[in-house]
């Protein structure tokens, strides 16, 4: 714990409470079930398993995993395949998108970043390589009737924290986004 004081401080200051281990018996969704819910194609979905979803006084907590693949790293570095940090952030955010779209009233909505409201921490001492399993923890801190919210996420590899990512988001109906995209001049 002394080796990672910054990340543990960020987590405790947000009251981010995680289970130490989640049994695969509590599997909420597998990859096929996730793809049925998500608004992404298979190539851009960075979730393989949703292990748990629960709500308590601190917010809504979701735990997921993703197995890093060779094609995820293509072009990031020429001579060695390393999973990009921006894709770690995307995987964390997609964990929240899964929670959102599982709710009947939000199944036709898309979540969009509206900004970071705290610093992100990324520990580069242990990069992710093809074959690694990325462990994702997502906490919805608040979500209001204006369809705006704040969340925090944690990514780990081999139980070691590698990223804390805090951000704000909004949700927009998928049909509205399609209309907006149709108005863009090409």
Protein backbone atom coordinates (compact mmCIF):
# COMPACT_ATOMS: atom_id res chain seq x y z
CA UNK A 1 0.00 0.00 0.00
CA UNK A 2 2.91 2.37 0.67
CA UNK A 3 3.96 2.05 -2.98
CA UNK A 4 0.68 3.53 -4.20
CA UNK A 5 -0.33 6.25 -1.67
CA UNK A 6 -1.76 8.64 -4.27
CA UNK A 7 -4.20 6.15 -5.71
CA UNK A 8 -5.37 4.88 -2.31
CA UNK A 9 -5.86 8.45 -1.11
CA UNK A 10 -7.99 9.25 -4.17
CA UNK A 11 -10.11 6.16 -3.67
CA UNK A 12 -10.68 6.71 0.04
CA UNK A 13 -11.47 10.39 -0.44
CA UNK A 14 -14.28 9.40 -2.81
CA UNK A 15 -15.55 6.72 -0.41
CA UNK A 16 -14.96 4.18 -3.17
CA UNK A 17 -15.61 0.87 -1.47
CA UNK A 18 -14.74 -2.26 -3.42
CA UNK A 19 -15.13 -5.92 -2.69
CA UNK A 20 -11.75 -7.61 -2.45
CA UNK A 21 -12.83 -10.54 -4.57
CA UNK A 22 -15.90 -11.22 -6.66
CA UNK A 23 -16.90 -14.79 -7.34
CA UNK A 24 -17.65 -15.74 -10.93
CA UNK A 25 -20.80 -17.35 -9.50
CA UNK A 26 -22.18 -13.82 -9.18
CA UNK A 27 -21.69 -13.14 -12.90
CA UNK A 28 -24.23 -10.53 -14.03
CA UNK A 29 -23.48 -10.69 -17.77
CA UNK A 30 -21.10 -12.40 -20.19
CA UNK A 31 -19.70 -10.84 -23.41
CA UNK A 32 -22.66 -11.83 -25.59
CA UNK A 33 -25.14 -10.36 -23.09
CA UNK A 34 -23.03 -7.20 -22.80
CA UNK A 35 -22.97 -6.74 -26.58
CA UNK A 36 -26.78 -6.97 -26.69
CA UNK A 37 -27.02 -4.03 -24.27
CA UNK A 38 -24.17 -1.81 -25.44
CA UNK A 39 -24.33 0.74 -28.29
CA UNK A 40 -20.90 -0.35 -29.58
CA UNK A 41 -19.72 -2.84 -32.15
CA UNK A 42 -17.73 -5.84 -31.01
CA UNK A 43 -14.41 -4.17 -31.95
CA UNK A 44 -15.01 -1.22 -29.61
CA UNK A 45 -16.54 -2.99 -26.62
CA UNK A 46 -13.96 -3.25 -23.83
CA UNK A 47 -16.01 -5.43 -21.46
CA UNK A 48 -16.01 -9.23 -21.29
CA UNK A 49 -17.73 -9.86 -17.96
CA UNK A 50 -19.87 -7.85 -15.54
CA UNK A 51 -19.19 -9.49 -12.18
CA UNK A 52 -21.46 -7.45 -9.90
CA UNK A 53 -23.77 -4.45 -9.74
CA UNK A 54 -25.06 -3.10 -6.42
CA UNK A 55 -26.35 0.07 -4.86
CA UNK A 56 -25.58 1.35 -1.36
CA UNK A 57 -25.22 4.67 0.48
CA UNK A 58 -22.07 5.54 -1.48
CA UNK A 59 -23.63 5.08 -4.92
CA UNK A 60 -24.02 2.42 -7.59
CA UNK A 61 -21.01 0.09 -7.86
CA UNK A 62 -20.22 -2.07 -10.86
CA UNK A 63 -17.30 -4.50 -11.19
CA UNK A 64 -16.25 -5.79 -14.63
CA UNK A 65 -13.33 -7.43 -16.44
CA UNK A 66 -11.79 -7.21 -19.88
CA UNK A 67 -9.22 -9.58 -21.40
CA UNK A 68 -6.74 -7.49 -23.40
CA UNK A 69 -6.38 -8.71 -26.98
CA UNK A 70 -3.56 -8.26 -29.50
CA UNK A 71 -5.79 -6.22 -31.85
CA UNK A 72 -6.55 -3.73 -29.02
CA UNK A 73 -2.89 -2.72 -29.06
CA UNK A 74 -2.39 -2.50 -32.83
CA UNK A 75 -0.45 0.60 -33.82
CA UNK A 76 0.08 1.86 -30.26
CA UNK A 77 3.79 1.04 -30.38
CA UNK A 78 5.61 -0.44 -33.36
CA UNK A 79 7.65 -3.15 -31.64
CA UNK A 80 5.64 -4.08 -28.55
CA UNK A 81 1.89 -4.37 -28.00
CA UNK A 82 0.73 -2.22 -25.06
CA UNK A 83 -2.92 -1.44 -24.29
CA UNK A 84 -3.41 2.38 -24.50
CA UNK A 85 -4.33 4.36 -21.39
CA UNK A 86 -7.17 6.11 -23.21
CA UNK A 87 -8.75 2.68 -23.81
CA UNK A 88 -8.50 1.99 -20.07
CA UNK A 89 -10.55 5.16 -19.51
CA UNK A 90 -13.02 4.03 -22.18
CA UNK A 91 -13.35 0.58 -20.54
CA UNK A 92 -14.11 2.24 -17.19
CA UNK A 93 -16.74 4.46 -18.83
CA UNK A 94 -18.29 1.51 -20.69
CA UNK A 95 -18.84 -0.20 -17.35
CA UNK A 96 -21.14 2.69 -16.45
CA UNK A 97 -22.83 2.61 -19.86
CA UNK A 98 -23.74 -1.02 -19.22
CA UNK A 99 -25.39 -0.07 -15.90
CA UNK A 100 -27.29 2.77 -17.57
CA UNK A 101 -28.60 0.80 -20.56
CA UNK A 102 -29.71 -2.13 -18.41
CA UNK A 103 -32.39 0.16 -17.00
CA UNK A 104 -35.52 0.05 -19.14
CA UNK A 105 -36.03 3.83 -19.17
CA UNK A 106 -32.46 4.45 -20.40
CA UNK A 107 -31.99 1.57 -22.86
CA UNK A 108 -32.11 4.02 -25.83
CA UNK A 109 -29.65 6.53 -24.37
CA UNK A 110 -25.98 7.14 -25.07
CA UNK A 111 -23.66 8.39 -22.31
CA UNK A 112 -21.19 11.12 -23.25
CA UNK A 113 -18.25 12.54 -21.32
CA UNK A 114 -18.74 16.17 -20.33
CA UNK A 115 -15.40 16.57 -18.60
CA UNK A 116 -13.09 15.55 -15.82
CA UNK A 117 -13.76 17.13 -12.45
CA UNK A 118 -10.76 15.69 -10.60
CA UNK A 119 -7.36 14.55 -11.78
CA UNK A 120 -6.85 11.16 -13.34
CA UNK A 121 -4.01 9.03 -12.03
CA UNK A 122 -2.30 6.56 -14.35
CA UNK A 123 0.52 4.36 -13.05
CA UNK A 124 2.72 3.45 -16.02
CA UNK A 125 4.94 1.11 -13.99
CA UNK A 126 2.83 -1.89 -15.08
CA UNK A 127 1.52 -1.58 -18.66
CA UNK A 128 -1.19 -3.89 -19.94
CA UNK A 129 -0.24 -6.45 -22.55
CA UNK A 130 -2.29 -8.88 -24.66
CA UNK A 131 -3.40 -11.71 -22.36
CA UNK A 132 -3.75 -9.48 -19.27
CA UNK A 133 -7.12 -9.16 -17.57
CA UNK A 134 -8.13 -5.59 -16.77
CA UNK A 135 -10.26 -5.35 -13.62
CA UNK A 136 -12.70 -2.42 -13.70
CA UNK A 137 -14.52 -0.79 -10.77
CA UNK A 138 -17.08 1.94 -11.50
CA UNK A 139 -18.99 4.06 -8.99
CA UNK A 140 -21.84 6.39 -9.96
CA UNK A 141 -21.50 9.20 -7.42
CA UNK A 142 -24.66 10.98 -8.51
CA UNK A 143 -27.12 11.02 -11.38
CA UNK A 144 -29.91 13.60 -11.48
CA UNK A 145 -33.22 14.19 -13.23
CA UNK A 146 -31.44 16.49 -15.71
CA UNK A 147 -29.67 13.34 -16.95
CA UNK A 148 -26.27 14.50 -15.77
CA UNK A 149 -23.98 12.71 -13.40
CA UNK A 150 -20.56 12.25 -11.87
CA UNK A 151 -18.65 9.01 -11.57
CA UNK A 152 -15.30 7.59 -10.62
CA UNK A 153 -13.57 4.49 -11.81
CA UNK A 154 -10.62 2.35 -10.91
CA UNK A 155 -8.65 0.01 -13.16
CA UNK A 156 -6.44 -2.72 -11.74
CA UNK A 157 -4.12 -5.35 -13.10
CA UNK A 158 -3.18 -8.28 -10.87
CA UNK A 159 -4.90 -6.48 -7.96
CA UNK A 160 -2.56 -3.47 -8.46
CA UNK A 161 -4.31 -0.13 -9.06
CA UNK A 162 -3.15 1.42 -12.33
CA UNK A 163 -5.70 4.19 -12.96
CA UNK A 164 -8.24 6.28 -11.10
CA UNK A 165 -10.47 8.28 -13.41
CA UNK A 166 -13.06 10.82 -12.21
CA UNK A 167 -15.44 12.44 -14.67
CA UNK A 168 -18.81 13.99 -15.37
CA UNK A 169 -21.24 12.73 -17.99
CA UNK A 170 -24.60 13.36 -19.57
CA UNK A 171 -26.94 11.07 -21.43
CA UNK A 172 -28.63 11.79 -24.75
CA UNK A 173 -31.31 9.80 -26.57
CA UNK A 174 -29.77 7.77 -29.39
CA UNK A 175 -32.32 9.13 -31.90
CA UNK A 176 -31.35 12.73 -31.08
CA UNK A 177 -27.69 11.93 -31.72
CA UNK A 178 -28.56 10.33 -35.07
CA UNK A 179 -30.45 13.49 -36.10
CA UNK A 180 -27.51 15.66 -35.03
CA UNK A 181 -25.08 13.47 -36.98
CA UNK A 182 -27.30 13.75 -40.07
CA UNK A 183 -27.02 17.54 -39.96
CA UNK A 184 -23.23 17.54 -40.03
CA UNK A 185 -21.92 18.78 -43.38
CA UNK A 186 -19.64 16.40 -45.15
